[in-house]
Amino acid sequence: MQPTSSMNEEFLKKWQMGLQIFRPSIDNTSVHERKKAIKLSADVAMASLRKGTTCWSRALIEKTATEDNFLVRQMLSGIKAESLINKKLPKKIVCHRKIVRRSKKILRRKSKSASEEAAAKAKRLVKRRTQGLRNVVPGGELMSNDVLLLQETLDYIVSLQTQVNVMRSIVDAAEAEIER
């Protein structure tokens, strides 16, 4: 699934707005601070494309709102910025390690056939991979439903492709300008 040109245009508009908001504070800063400002405005632009309809966009909005509330409010104007910024994501459920270890030992004691063992190994592999996705996708650690996690991951990938396409076209335009 490729991002549409309208998504690219909308992302570029929002990203430019974020960079313009940062402009006065960026001029006399270090490279690290400039990089952080560019990344922050790109994240907010990407999340604002989805208008907070996805878990990953709400997680990015919440994260960036704690870093730079003014930027988020400006870029999210018109899409209920206050409700998105103040909306709390559900807390991650934490299991007690001792209980988990004990239950795993009990499961290991039972003897299994070869097919049951293969199925268990496949489940562990799928669980490990989905945990990897949860760590990569913003807000993924809060999603308990694997289908929702996959949908959110696909949507996040399309948004990242949009971001890369726009940034690549800016670099291409800058290089073409230098060659002249």
N, C-alpha and C. Protein backbone atom coordinates (compact mmCIF):
# COMPACT_ATOMS: atom_id res chain seq x y z
N MET A 1 0.85 -1.18 0.00
CA MET A 1 0.00 0.00 0.00
C MET A 1 0.89 1.24 0.00
N GLN A 2 0.77 2.03 -1.03
CA GLN A 2 1.59 3.23 -1.18
C GLN A 2 0.82 4.46 -0.71
N PRO A 3 1.53 5.42 -0.12
CA PRO A 3 0.85 6.66 0.28
C PRO A 3 0.43 7.45 -0.95
N THR A 4 -0.68 8.15 -0.85
CA THR A 4 -1.19 8.93 -1.97
C THR A 4 -0.47 10.28 -2.04
N SER A 5 -0.58 10.94 -3.19
CA SER A 5 0.06 12.24 -3.33
C SER A 5 -0.59 13.28 -2.43
N SER A 6 -1.90 13.11 -2.16
CA SER A 6 -2.56 14.05 -1.25
C SER A 6 -2.02 13.90 0.17
N MET A 7 -1.68 12.67 0.55
CA MET A 7 -1.07 12.46 1.87
C MET A 7 0.29 13.14 1.93
N ASN A 8 1.06 13.00 0.84
CA ASN A 8 2.37 13.64 0.78
C ASN A 8 2.24 15.16 0.89
N GLU A 9 1.28 15.73 0.16
CA GLU A 9 1.07 17.18 0.20
C GLU A 9 0.64 17.65 1.59
N GLU A 10 -0.29 16.92 2.18
CA GLU A 10 -0.78 17.29 3.51
C GLU A 10 0.34 17.20 4.55
N PHE A 11 1.13 16.12 4.47
CA PHE A 11 2.26 15.98 5.39
C PHE A 11 3.24 17.14 5.21
N LEU A 12 3.54 17.48 3.96
CA LEU A 12 4.48 18.57 3.70
C LEU A 12 3.98 19.89 4.26
N LYS A 13 2.70 20.18 4.10
CA LYS A 13 2.12 21.42 4.65
C LYS A 13 2.27 21.47 6.17
N LYS A 14 1.89 20.36 6.81
CA LYS A 14 1.95 20.33 8.28
C LYS A 14 3.39 20.37 8.77
N TRP A 15 4.27 19.69 8.08
CA TRP A 15 5.68 19.69 8.48
C TRP A 15 6.29 21.07 8.32
N GLN A 16 5.98 21.75 7.22
CA GLN A 16 6.47 23.12 7.02
C GLN A 16 5.95 24.03 8.12
N MET A 17 4.67 23.86 8.50
CA MET A 17 4.11 24.69 9.57
C MET A 17 4.88 24.46 10.86
N GLY A 18 5.19 23.20 11.17
CA GLY A 18 5.95 22.90 12.38
C GLY A 18 7.34 23.49 12.34
N LEU A 19 7.99 23.40 11.19
CA LEU A 19 9.34 23.98 11.06
C LEU A 19 9.31 25.50 11.18
N GLN A 20 8.24 26.12 10.66
CA GLN A 20 8.11 27.58 10.78
C GLN A 20 7.88 27.99 12.23
N ILE A 21 7.16 27.17 12.97
CA ILE A 21 6.94 27.46 14.40
C ILE A 21 8.27 27.36 15.14
N PHE A 22 9.10 26.37 14.77
CA PHE A 22 10.40 26.19 15.40
C PHE A 22 11.44 27.19 14.92
N ARG A 23 11.25 27.80 13.78
CA ARG A 23 12.28 28.61 13.11
C ARG A 23 12.99 29.61 14.04
N PRO A 24 12.27 30.43 14.79
CA PRO A 24 12.99 31.41 15.64
C PRO A 24 13.91 30.76 16.67
N SER A 25 13.52 29.60 17.18
CA SER A 25 14.34 28.96 18.21
C SER A 25 15.46 28.11 17.62
N ILE A 26 15.38 27.74 16.34
CA ILE A 26 16.37 26.87 15.71
C ILE A 26 17.62 27.62 15.27
N ASP A 27 17.47 28.87 14.86
CA ASP A 27 18.56 29.60 14.21
C ASP A 27 19.89 29.58 14.95
N ASN A 28 19.88 29.68 16.24
CA ASN A 28 21.14 29.75 17.00
C ASN A 28 21.34 28.52 17.90
N THR A 29 21.01 27.35 17.37
CA THR A 29 21.14 26.14 18.18
C THR A 29 22.13 25.17 17.55
N SER A 30 22.43 24.12 18.30
CA SER A 30 23.36 23.10 17.82
C SER A 30 22.68 22.19 16.79
N VAL A 31 23.48 21.39 16.13
CA VAL A 31 22.96 20.46 15.14
C VAL A 31 22.02 19.46 15.81
N HIS A 32 22.37 19.01 17.01
CA HIS A 32 21.53 18.06 17.73
C HIS A 32 20.15 18.65 18.01
N GLU A 33 20.10 19.90 18.43
CA GLU A 33 18.83 20.55 18.71
C GLU A 33 18.00 20.74 17.44
N ARG A 34 18.67 21.06 16.34
CA ARG A 34 17.96 21.20 15.05
C ARG A 34 17.37 19.86 14.62
N LYS A 35 18.16 18.81 14.78
CA LYS A 35 17.69 17.47 14.42
C LYS A 35 16.47 17.10 15.25
N LYS A 36 16.51 17.41 16.52
CA LYS A 36 15.40 17.11 17.42
C LYS A 36 14.15 17.89 17.01
N ALA A 37 14.33 19.15 16.62
CA ALA A 37 13.20 19.98 16.19
C ALA A 37 12.59 19.45 14.90
N ILE A 38 13.43 19.03 13.97
CA ILE A 38 12.93 18.48 12.71
C ILE A 38 12.16 17.19 12.95
N LYS A 39 12.71 16.32 13.79
CA LYS A 39 12.05 15.05 14.11
C LYS A 39 10.72 15.28 14.83
N LEU A 40 10.72 16.21 15.77
CA LEU A 40 9.51 16.49 16.54
C LEU A 40 8.41 17.03 15.63
N SER A 41 8.76 17.98 14.76
CA SER A 41 7.74 18.54 13.86
C SER A 41 7.27 17.50 12.85
N ALA A 42 8.16 16.61 12.39
CA ALA A 42 7.76 15.54 11.47
C ALA A 42 6.82 14.55 12.16
N ASP A 43 7.10 14.22 13.42
CA ASP A 43 6.23 13.31 14.16
C ASP A 43 4.83 13.89 14.34
N VAL A 44 4.77 15.16 14.72
CA VAL A 44 3.47 15.79 14.92
C VAL A 44 2.72 15.90 13.59
N ALA A 45 3.44 16.23 12.52
CA ALA A 45 2.80 16.31 11.21
C ALA A 45 2.24 14.96 10.79
N MET A 46 3.02 13.91 11.04
CA MET A 46 2.60 12.56 10.67
C MET A 46 1.37 12.14 11.49
N ALA A 47 1.39 12.44 12.78
CA ALA A 47 0.26 12.07 13.64
C ALA A 47 -0.97 12.90 13.32
N SER A 48 -0.77 14.16 12.95
CA SER A 48 -1.93 15.01 12.65
C SER A 48 -2.60 14.61 11.34
N LEU A 49 -1.89 13.92 10.46
CA LEU A 49 -2.53 13.39 9.25
C LEU A 49 -3.65 12.43 9.61
N ARG A 50 -3.46 11.66 10.65
CA ARG A 50 -4.45 10.68 11.08
C ARG A 50 -5.49 11.26 12.04
N LYS A 51 -5.30 12.50 12.45
CA LYS A 51 -6.25 13.21 13.31
C LYS A 51 -6.58 12.46 14.60
N GLY A 52 -5.61 11.68 15.08
CA GLY A 52 -5.80 10.97 16.35
C GLY A 52 -6.72 9.79 16.25
N THR A 53 -6.96 9.28 15.03
CA THR A 53 -7.87 8.14 14.88
C THR A 53 -7.18 6.81 15.13
N THR A 54 -5.86 6.79 15.17
CA THR A 54 -5.12 5.55 15.41
C THR A 54 -4.38 5.64 16.74
N CYS A 55 -4.11 4.47 17.30
CA CYS A 55 -3.40 4.43 18.58
C CYS A 55 -2.00 5.03 18.45
N TRP A 56 -1.29 4.71 17.36
CA TRP A 56 0.08 5.22 17.22
C TRP A 56 0.09 6.74 17.09
N SER A 57 -0.92 7.32 16.42
CA SER A 57 -0.94 8.78 16.29
C SER A 57 -1.23 9.44 17.63
N ARG A 58 -2.13 8.85 18.42
CA ARG A 58 -2.40 9.41 19.75
C ARG A 58 -1.18 9.28 20.65
N ALA A 59 -0.44 8.16 20.53
CA ALA A 59 0.77 7.98 21.34
C ALA A 59 1.83 9.00 20.95
N LEU A 60 1.99 9.27 19.66
CA LEU A 60 2.96 10.29 19.23
C LEU A 60 2.54 11.67 19.70
N ILE A 61 1.24 11.97 19.62
CA ILE A 61 0.75 13.27 20.07
C ILE A 61 1.00 13.44 21.56
N GLU A 62 0.71 12.39 22.33
CA GLU A 62 0.93 12.47 23.78
C GLU A 62 2.41 12.66 24.09
N LYS A 63 3.28 11.92 23.39
CA LYS A 63 4.72 12.02 23.62
C LYS A 63 5.24 13.41 23.28
N THR A 64 4.84 13.93 22.13
CA THR A 64 5.33 15.24 21.71
C THR A 64 4.70 16.37 22.52
N ALA A 65 3.49 16.17 23.01
CA ALA A 65 2.85 17.20 23.83
C ALA A 65 3.63 17.42 25.12
N THR A 66 4.23 16.35 25.65
CA THR A 66 5.02 16.52 26.87
C THR A 66 6.33 17.25 26.56
N GLU A 67 6.85 17.08 25.33
CA GLU A 67 8.11 17.74 24.96
C GLU A 67 7.89 19.20 24.54
N ASP A 68 6.87 19.45 23.71
CA ASP A 68 6.62 20.79 23.22
C ASP A 68 5.13 20.98 22.99
N ASN A 69 4.44 21.40 24.05
CA ASN A 69 3.00 21.55 24.02
C ASN A 69 2.55 22.61 23.03
N PHE A 70 3.29 23.72 22.90
CA PHE A 70 2.92 24.80 22.01
C PHE A 70 2.89 24.34 20.56
N LEU A 71 3.92 23.62 20.15
CA LEU A 71 3.99 23.11 18.78
C LEU A 71 2.80 22.21 18.47
N VAL A 72 2.49 21.31 19.38
CA VAL A 72 1.39 20.38 19.16
C VAL A 72 0.07 21.13 19.04
N ARG A 73 -0.16 22.09 19.90
CA ARG A 73 -1.42 22.87 19.84
C ARG A 73 -1.54 23.63 18.53
N GLN A 74 -0.45 24.22 18.07
CA GLN A 74 -0.48 24.97 16.82
C GLN A 74 -0.75 24.05 15.63
N MET A 75 -0.06 22.92 15.57
CA MET A 75 -0.19 22.04 14.41
C MET A 75 -1.50 21.26 14.40
N LEU A 76 -2.08 21.06 15.56
CA LEU A 76 -3.33 20.31 15.63
C LEU A 76 -4.54 21.21 15.69
N SER A 77 -4.35 22.49 15.41
CA SER A 77 -5.49 23.41 15.46
C SER A 77 -6.54 22.96 14.46
N GLY A 78 -7.78 22.94 14.91
CA GLY A 78 -8.86 22.53 14.03
C GLY A 78 -9.26 21.07 14.17
N ILE A 79 -8.49 20.26 14.87
CA ILE A 79 -8.90 18.85 15.02
C ILE A 79 -8.98 18.46 16.50
N LYS A 80 -9.54 19.35 17.29
CA LYS A 80 -9.76 19.08 18.71
C LYS A 80 -8.45 18.75 19.43
N ALA A 81 -7.50 19.67 19.33
CA ALA A 81 -6.17 19.44 19.90
C ALA A 81 -6.24 19.16 21.40
N GLU A 82 -7.07 19.91 22.10
CA GLU A 82 -7.14 19.74 23.56
C GLU A 82 -7.57 18.33 23.94
N SER A 83 -8.57 17.81 23.25
CA SER A 83 -9.06 16.48 23.61
C SER A 83 -8.01 15.41 23.29
N LEU A 84 -7.23 15.61 22.21
CA LEU A 84 -6.19 14.63 21.86
C LEU A 84 -5.01 14.71 22.82
N ILE A 85 -4.62 15.93 23.18
CA ILE A 85 -3.47 16.09 24.07
C ILE A 85 -3.78 15.56 25.46
N ASN A 86 -4.99 15.85 25.94
CA ASN A 86 -5.35 15.46 27.30
C ASN A 86 -5.87 14.03 27.40
N LYS A 87 -6.11 13.38 26.25
CA LYS A 87 -6.60 12.01 26.27
C LYS A 87 -5.49 11.08 26.72
N LYS A 88 -5.75 10.36 27.76
CA LYS A 88 -4.74 9.45 28.31
C LYS A 88 -4.87 8.08 27.66
N LEU A 89 -3.75 7.52 27.32
CA LEU A 89 -3.73 6.16 26.80
C LEU A 89 -3.87 5.20 27.97
N PRO A 90 -4.42 4.02 27.73
CA PRO A 90 -4.55 3.06 28.84
C PRO A 90 -3.17 2.65 29.35
N LYS A 91 -3.13 2.41 30.64
CA LYS A 91 -1.86 2.00 31.26
C LYS A 91 -1.50 0.58 30.86
N LYS A 92 -0.23 0.35 30.72
CA LYS A 92 0.26 -0.99 30.38
C LYS A 92 0.06 -1.89 31.59
N ILE A 93 -0.42 -3.09 31.33
CA ILE A 93 -0.64 -4.05 32.41
C ILE A 93 0.68 -4.76 32.68
N VAL A 94 1.11 -4.72 33.93
CA VAL A 94 2.37 -5.34 34.31
C VAL A 94 2.09 -6.58 35.14
N CYS A 95 2.66 -7.70 34.76
CA CYS A 95 2.50 -8.94 35.51
C CYS A 95 3.67 -9.08 36.48
N HIS A 96 3.41 -9.70 37.55
CA HIS A 96 4.47 -9.95 38.51
C HIS A 96 5.36 -11.06 37.96
N ARG A 97 6.66 -10.84 37.92
CA ARG A 97 7.60 -11.79 37.30
C ARG A 97 7.60 -13.15 37.98
N LYS A 98 7.47 -13.17 39.29
CA LYS A 98 7.52 -14.42 40.03
C LYS A 98 6.34 -15.32 39.64
N ILE A 99 5.16 -14.72 39.48
CA ILE A 99 3.97 -15.49 39.10
C ILE A 99 4.14 -16.05 37.69
N VAL A 100 4.66 -15.24 36.79
CA VAL A 100 4.85 -15.67 35.40
C VAL A 100 5.85 -16.82 35.35
N ARG A 101 6.97 -16.70 36.07
CA ARG A 101 7.99 -17.76 36.08
C ARG A 101 7.41 -19.07 36.61
N ARG A 102 6.62 -18.99 37.68
CA ARG A 102 6.03 -20.17 38.28
C ARG A 102 5.07 -20.86 37.30
N SER A 103 4.25 -20.07 36.62
CA SER A 103 3.31 -20.67 35.68
C SER A 103 4.03 -21.29 34.49
N LYS A 104 5.14 -20.72 34.06
CA LYS A 104 5.91 -21.31 32.96
C LYS A 104 6.52 -22.64 33.37
N LYS A 105 7.00 -22.74 34.63
CA LYS A 105 7.58 -23.99 35.12
C LYS A 105 6.53 -25.10 35.12
N ILE A 106 5.31 -24.75 35.52
CA ILE A 106 4.23 -25.74 35.56
C ILE A 106 3.93 -26.23 34.14
N LEU A 107 3.90 -25.32 33.18
CA LEU A 107 3.63 -25.69 31.79
C LEU A 107 4.73 -26.58 31.23
N ARG A 108 5.97 -26.34 31.61
CA ARG A 108 7.10 -27.12 31.10
C ARG A 108 7.08 -28.56 31.61
N ARG A 109 6.54 -28.78 32.81
CA ARG A 109 6.55 -30.11 33.42
C ARG A 109 5.70 -31.11 32.62
N LYS A 110 4.64 -30.59 31.97
CA LYS A 110 3.77 -31.48 31.21
C LYS A 110 4.50 -31.97 29.98
N SER A 111 4.40 -33.26 29.70
CA SER A 111 5.06 -33.81 28.51
C SER A 111 4.20 -33.51 27.28
N LYS A 112 4.88 -33.25 26.16
CA LYS A 112 4.18 -32.89 24.95
C LYS A 112 4.62 -33.79 23.80
N SER A 113 3.72 -33.97 22.86
CA SER A 113 4.08 -34.71 21.66
C SER A 113 4.85 -33.79 20.73
N ALA A 114 5.36 -34.34 19.65
CA ALA A 114 6.17 -33.55 18.71
C ALA A 114 5.35 -32.44 18.06
N SER A 115 4.11 -32.73 17.70
CA SER A 115 3.27 -31.71 17.06
C SER A 115 2.90 -30.61 18.05
N GLU A 116 2.63 -30.97 19.29
CA GLU A 116 2.32 -29.97 20.31
C GLU A 116 3.54 -29.09 20.58
N GLU A 117 4.70 -29.72 20.57
CA GLU A 117 5.94 -28.98 20.80
C GLU A 117 6.20 -27.99 19.66
N ALA A 118 5.95 -28.43 18.42
CA ALA A 118 6.13 -27.55 17.25
C ALA A 118 5.15 -26.39 17.31
N ALA A 119 3.93 -26.68 17.70
CA ALA A 119 2.93 -25.62 17.81
C ALA A 119 3.31 -24.61 18.90
N ALA A 120 3.82 -25.12 20.00
CA ALA A 120 4.25 -24.24 21.08
C ALA A 120 5.42 -23.37 20.64
N LYS A 121 6.34 -23.96 19.89
CA LYS A 121 7.49 -23.21 19.38
C LYS A 121 7.03 -22.11 18.42
N ALA A 122 6.06 -22.44 17.56
CA ALA A 122 5.52 -21.44 16.63
C ALA A 122 4.83 -20.31 17.39
N LYS A 123 4.09 -20.66 18.43
CA LYS A 123 3.43 -19.63 19.25
C LYS A 123 4.45 -18.70 19.89
N ARG A 124 5.55 -19.28 20.41
CA ARG A 124 6.59 -18.46 21.03
C ARG A 124 7.21 -17.51 20.01
N LEU A 125 7.43 -18.02 18.79
CA LEU A 125 8.02 -17.21 17.73
C LEU A 125 7.08 -16.06 17.35
N VAL A 126 5.80 -16.35 17.21
CA VAL A 126 4.82 -15.31 16.88
C VAL A 126 4.74 -14.30 18.02
N LYS A 127 4.76 -14.79 19.23
CA LYS A 127 4.70 -13.89 20.39
C LYS A 127 5.92 -12.97 20.44
N ARG A 128 7.10 -13.52 20.13
CA ARG A 128 8.32 -12.72 20.12
C ARG A 128 8.26 -11.65 19.03
N ARG A 129 7.76 -12.03 17.86
CA ARG A 129 7.67 -11.07 16.76
C ARG A 129 6.64 -9.98 17.04
N THR A 130 5.49 -10.36 17.62
CA THR A 130 4.50 -9.34 17.94
C THR A 130 5.01 -8.42 19.04
N GLN A 131 5.79 -8.95 19.95
CA GLN A 131 6.39 -8.09 20.99
C GLN A 131 7.36 -7.11 20.35
N GLY A 132 8.09 -7.57 19.34
CA GLY A 132 8.98 -6.67 18.60
C GLY A 132 8.19 -5.54 17.94
N LEU A 133 7.05 -5.87 17.35
CA LEU A 133 6.19 -4.84 16.75
C LEU A 133 5.69 -3.86 17.81
N ARG A 134 5.30 -4.41 18.95
CA ARG A 134 4.81 -3.53 20.03
C ARG A 134 5.87 -2.53 20.46
N ASN A 135 7.13 -2.94 20.40
CA ASN A 135 8.21 -2.05 20.80
C ASN A 135 8.51 -0.99 19.73
N VAL A 136 8.20 -1.29 18.47
CA VAL A 136 8.53 -0.37 17.37
C VAL A 136 7.43 0.65 17.13
N VAL A 137 6.17 0.22 17.14
CA VAL A 137 5.05 1.10 16.84
C VAL A 137 4.72 1.94 18.07
N PRO A 138 4.62 3.27 17.90
CA PRO A 138 4.24 4.11 19.05
C PRO A 138 2.88 3.69 19.60
N GLY A 139 2.82 3.49 20.90
CA GLY A 139 1.59 3.05 21.54
C GLY A 139 1.33 1.57 21.40
N GLY A 140 2.22 0.85 20.75
CA GLY A 140 2.03 -0.58 20.51
C GLY A 140 2.03 -1.41 21.77
N GLU A 141 2.79 -0.98 22.77
CA GLU A 141 2.86 -1.75 24.01
C GLU A 141 1.53 -1.73 24.76
N LEU A 142 0.63 -0.83 24.37
CA LEU A 142 -0.67 -0.74 25.03
C LEU A 142 -1.74 -1.56 24.32
N MET A 143 -1.42 -2.09 23.15
CA MET A 143 -2.39 -2.86 22.37
C MET A 143 -2.30 -4.34 22.73
N SER A 144 -3.39 -4.88 23.21
CA SER A 144 -3.40 -6.30 23.58
C SER A 144 -3.90 -7.17 22.44
N ASN A 145 -4.60 -6.58 21.50
CA ASN A 145 -5.17 -7.31 20.37
C ASN A 145 -4.16 -7.36 19.23
N ASP A 146 -3.77 -8.56 18.81
CA ASP A 146 -2.77 -8.71 17.75
C ASP A 146 -3.26 -8.21 16.40
N VAL A 147 -4.54 -8.37 16.11
CA VAL A 147 -5.09 -7.89 14.83
C VAL A 147 -5.02 -6.37 14.78
N LEU A 148 -5.40 -5.72 15.88
CA LEU A 148 -5.31 -4.26 15.95
C LEU A 148 -3.86 -3.81 15.82
N LEU A 149 -2.95 -4.54 16.44
CA LEU A 149 -1.53 -4.21 16.34
C LEU A 149 -1.06 -4.27 14.89
N LEU A 150 -1.47 -5.29 14.16
CA LEU A 150 -1.08 -5.41 12.75
C LEU A 150 -1.69 -4.29 11.90
N GLN A 151 -2.94 -3.94 12.16
CA GLN A 151 -3.58 -2.84 11.42
C GLN A 151 -2.85 -1.53 11.69
N GLU A 152 -2.56 -1.28 12.96
CA GLU A 152 -1.86 -0.06 13.33
C GLU A 152 -0.46 -0.03 12.73
N THR A 153 0.20 -1.17 12.69
CA THR A 153 1.54 -1.25 12.12
C THR A 153 1.51 -0.92 10.64
N LEU A 154 0.55 -1.48 9.92
CA LEU A 154 0.42 -1.18 8.49
C LEU A 154 0.16 0.31 8.26
N ASP A 155 -0.72 0.88 9.06
CA ASP A 155 -1.02 2.30 8.92
C ASP A 155 0.21 3.15 9.24
N TYR A 156 0.95 2.77 10.26
CA TYR A 156 2.16 3.48 10.65
C TYR A 156 3.22 3.39 9.55
N ILE A 157 3.32 2.23 8.91
CA ILE A 157 4.29 2.06 7.82
C ILE A 157 3.94 2.97 6.65
N VAL A 158 2.66 3.07 6.31
CA VAL A 158 2.24 3.96 5.22
C VAL A 158 2.58 5.41 5.57
N SER A 159 2.37 5.79 6.82
CA SER A 159 2.70 7.15 7.24
C SER A 159 4.21 7.40 7.20
N LEU A 160 4.99 6.41 7.59
CA LEU A 160 6.45 6.55 7.51
C LEU A 160 6.90 6.64 6.06
N GLN A 161 6.26 5.88 5.16
CA GLN A 161 6.59 5.97 3.74
C GLN A 161 6.29 7.37 3.21
N THR A 162 5.19 7.95 3.65
CA THR A 162 4.85 9.32 3.27
C THR A 162 5.94 10.27 3.72
N GLN A 163 6.36 10.12 4.97
CA GLN A 163 7.39 10.99 5.51
C GLN A 163 8.69 10.85 4.72
N VAL A 164 9.08 9.63 4.41
CA VAL A 164 10.32 9.39 3.66
C VAL A 164 10.20 9.96 2.24
N ASN A 165 9.06 9.75 1.58
CA ASN A 165 8.87 10.27 0.22
C ASN A 165 9.00 11.78 0.18
N VAL A 166 8.39 12.46 1.13
CA VAL A 166 8.45 13.93 1.16
C VAL A 166 9.88 14.39 1.43
N MET A 167 10.54 13.76 2.40
CA MET A 167 11.91 14.16 2.71
C MET A 167 12.85 13.87 1.54
N ARG A 168 12.63 12.75 0.87
CA ARG A 168 13.46 12.41 -0.29
C ARG A 168 13.27 13.42 -1.42
N SER A 169 12.03 13.84 -1.65
CA SER A 169 11.78 14.83 -2.71
C SER A 169 12.39 16.18 -2.36
N ILE A 170 12.43 16.54 -1.09
CA ILE A 170 13.07 17.79 -0.67
C ILE A 170 14.57 17.71 -0.91
N VAL A 171 15.17 16.57 -0.57
CA VAL A 171 16.61 16.39 -0.80
C VAL A 171 16.91 16.43 -2.30
N ASP A 172 16.09 15.76 -3.11
CA ASP A 172 16.29 15.77 -4.56
C ASP A 172 16.21 17.18 -5.13
N ALA A 173 15.24 17.96 -4.64
CA ALA A 173 15.09 19.34 -5.11
C ALA A 173 16.29 20.19 -4.69
N ALA A 174 16.77 19.98 -3.47
CA ALA A 174 17.93 20.73 -3.00
C ALA A 174 19.18 20.37 -3.80
N GLU A 175 19.36 19.09 -4.11
CA GLU A 175 20.51 18.67 -4.91
C GLU A 175 20.44 19.22 -6.33
N ALA A 176 19.24 19.26 -6.90
CA ALA A 176 19.07 19.82 -8.24
C ALA A 176 19.41 21.32 -8.24
N GLU A 177 19.05 21.98 -7.17
CA GLU A 177 19.33 23.42 -7.05
C GLU A 177 20.83 23.66 -6.91
N ILE A 178 21.52 22.80 -6.21
CA ILE A 178 22.98 22.94 -6.02
C ILE A 178 23.71 22.71 -7.34
N GLU A 179 23.23 21.74 -8.13
CA GLU A 179 23.88 21.41 -9.40
C GLU A 179 23.77 22.53 -10.42
N ARG A 180 22.81 23.40 -10.28
CA ARG A 180 22.65 24.50 -11.24
C ARG A 180 23.73 25.48 -11.11
